[in-house]
Amino acid sequence: MKFGRMILSVTLVAAAALVAACSTTCGKPDVCDTGTAAYAQFTDEDVATMTTKLDGLAGLPAAQ
């Protein structure tokens, strides 16, 4: 019984190691190595436009 548990645990550890190794080497780039932003960078004009639209939806008067 102990021998069976030992073989099962070694098998599970080996399977977990294979899954972990594949998750980092399956042809997909490492996210830490890429220089792209996680979201689009907004310009000042984009922010002003969105602020105006959201203020209008909220019923706030337009900024002077």
Protein backbone atom coordinates (compact mmCIF):
# COMPACT_ATOMS: atom_id res chain seq x y z
CA MET A 1 0.00 0.00 0.00
CA LYS A 2 2.82 2.44 0.86
CA PHE A 3 4.59 1.55 -2.37
CA GLY A 4 1.44 2.34 -4.38
CA ARG A 5 1.07 5.72 -2.69
CA MET A 6 4.71 6.52 -3.34
CA ILE A 7 4.37 5.67 -7.05
CA LEU A 8 1.16 7.71 -7.26
CA SER A 9 2.77 10.74 -5.61
CA VAL A 10 5.86 10.53 -7.85
CA THR A 11 3.59 10.28 -10.91
CA LEU A 12 1.55 13.31 -9.82
CA VAL A 13 4.68 15.35 -9.15
CA ALA A 14 6.08 14.44 -12.56
CA ALA A 15 2.79 15.36 -14.27
CA ALA A 16 2.69 18.70 -12.43
CA ALA A 17 6.27 19.42 -13.49
CA LEU A 18 5.43 18.68 -17.12
CA VAL A 19 2.38 20.94 -17.03
CA ALA A 20 4.39 23.74 -15.40
CA ALA A 21 7.18 23.38 -17.96
CA CYS A 22 4.76 23.48 -20.87
CA SER A 23 2.96 26.55 -19.59
CA THR A 24 6.12 28.64 -20.04
CA THR A 25 7.56 27.09 -23.20
CA CYS A 26 4.63 26.46 -25.54
CA GLY A 27 5.65 29.16 -28.02
CA LYS A 28 3.85 32.03 -26.32
CA PRO A 29 5.99 35.02 -25.32
CA ASP A 30 6.56 35.74 -21.67
CA VAL A 31 4.36 38.68 -20.67
CA CYS A 32 7.23 40.16 -18.69
CA ASP A 33 9.40 40.36 -21.82
CA THR A 34 6.92 42.28 -23.99
CA GLY A 35 6.94 46.05 -23.95
CA THR A 36 3.31 46.62 -24.86
CA ALA A 37 0.91 48.36 -22.51
CA ALA A 38 -1.91 46.41 -20.94
CA TYR A 39 -4.42 49.05 -22.05
CA ALA A 40 -4.63 51.75 -24.67
CA GLN A 41 -2.87 54.98 -23.81
CA PHE A 42 -5.28 57.93 -23.92
CA THR A 43 -4.28 61.32 -25.25
CA ASP A 44 -5.33 64.54 -23.52
CA GLU A 45 -7.87 65.07 -26.30
CA ASP A 46 -9.36 61.60 -25.69
CA VAL A 47 -9.69 62.33 -21.98
CA ALA A 48 -11.33 65.71 -22.63
CA THR A 49 -13.82 64.15 -25.06
CA MET A 50 -14.72 61.35 -22.66
CA THR A 51 -15.07 63.80 -19.77
CA THR A 52 -17.42 66.00 -21.79
CA LYS A 53 -19.56 63.03 -22.82
CA LEU A 54 -19.71 61.59 -19.30
CA ASP A 55 -20.55 64.98 -17.80
CA GLY A 56 -23.38 65.26 -20.32
CA LEU A 57 -24.70 61.82 -19.35
CA ALA A 58 -24.50 62.75 -15.67
CA GLY A 59 -26.40 65.98 -16.27
CA LEU A 60 -23.53 68.22 -15.19
CA PRO A 61 -23.17 71.65 -16.79
CA ALA A 62 -20.43 72.05 -19.39
CA ALA A 63 -17.13 73.39 -18.09
CA GLN A 64 -16.40 76.97 -19.03
